[in-house]
Amino acid sequence: MRPMRLAEREPHIDSLVSDIQAAIESGDRTRQSQLVRRSADLLTKRWSRLPAADKPDYDLLLTGLLSQADEPARRAFAIRVSELRRAPPRTAGLLAQDGSIDVAGPVLTQSRSFDDGWFQTVATACGDLHRAAIARRTGLGAPLCDVLIRLGDAGVAAALLANPSAMVAPGNLPLLMRHAAVSEEVAVRLGARSDLPGSYRADLAKLALRRAETALAGDTDLEPDVAGALPARIAALLAMPVQDARRARFDASMADAADLLAAAAAPARLERWLELRRIEDVLAALAQGAELEIAPLVAAYDAEDVAALSVILRGLDYPWSTLKALLNARFRDAIPLDILVAAHRLMTDLGPGSARRLVRYGMALQGRTAYLASLPE
């Protein structure tokens, strides 16, 4: 490698480059790692300022340095490289295919220096952890998505489906459905797609039922006959019609819920709203938390059978006090004893995961989904 040209206004960087060259020639790996960790910012700034003629040699110097550096040093450098508008290609390629995903991740998820074809090459050469990192990038084109789905496992598919900017083509649906059979996250995220054909939705509903039944089997405090009836019971309650005039009362609160609630509403907050009879705001908060439309919440609230309302709150892991306050509002402080006992028993005996799967099954029958934020379970 020919000596790098000196930059008169950057003697400290030139001294650093000389130290790097000496460390590489001596084979002192500890010294190389120290230099990278301490000087990642300076090294990447140097790259941006170099004349075009000097960049290939500097790129080779960096790859030589990084090939001997320890993992923390490589990660520190990868973070800086991922921020460059035009990263050194050899260095970026080395980091992107690093055996440690902690090193490769920043380049794979954040770098804007390379096109989709470059990332297809990495996806083909590396494993599923690297593919999943690529799947989280912003603005993935359809050809790259095709490669990731064809080569990747269910975790890669889930990452793609969670990425709203990924152009997943309808032609990939058969393979995604195969992933859905083994991955609940893929199934739920696939169900959130508006372009999913009805035949696929029917299959997703069957998968959702199977997962709900499996989860219920683990809730050993539930009576078997109660557990067996719950999927159909909850689905029917969530599907009850809500009149347009009734729904309109809640639409404004639902529209404001995102601004009103930057985070999940705390139990104390909901209970205070219930004291003030702010029912619309409470149901909007619950709908946002469960990632449901407002209609199923209103249907569950209006029903004489409060099982669906109990299950929705259980899926959000709210305490009994919050459900009781909501029932007090629903029944105007005169909750029938049998309803109170049944609701408490359901909240006590049903696991949060089972509750979420029951709601997901009911919504899958309607071509919708719920509780995406809880994934993976």
Foldseek 3Di string as FASTA:
>chain_A
DDQADDDVVCVVLSVLLVQLVVCLVVVPQVSLQVSLQVCLQVLFVCLVPDDPVRNVVSLVSLVSSVVSYDDVSLQSNQLNQQPDQAHRVSSLVCQCLDPDCSRNLSNLARHNNDDLVVLLVSLVVHAQSSLLSNLQHAQAEAVSLVSSLVHHALSSLLSNLVHPNHDHDPVSVVSLLVNVLVAVSSLQSVLADPPDDPVSLVVSLVSLVVVLLVQLVVLVLDDPVCSVCLLVVLLVLLPDDDDPVRVVVQPVLLVCLVVVPVDQDALVRLLVCLVVPVVSNNLSSLCVLFVHDSSSSVSCLQDPQNLNVLLSVQLSVHDPVSVVSSQCSSVVNCRPPVNNVVSVSCSVRHHNVSSQSSVQSSVSVVSHGTDSVPPPD
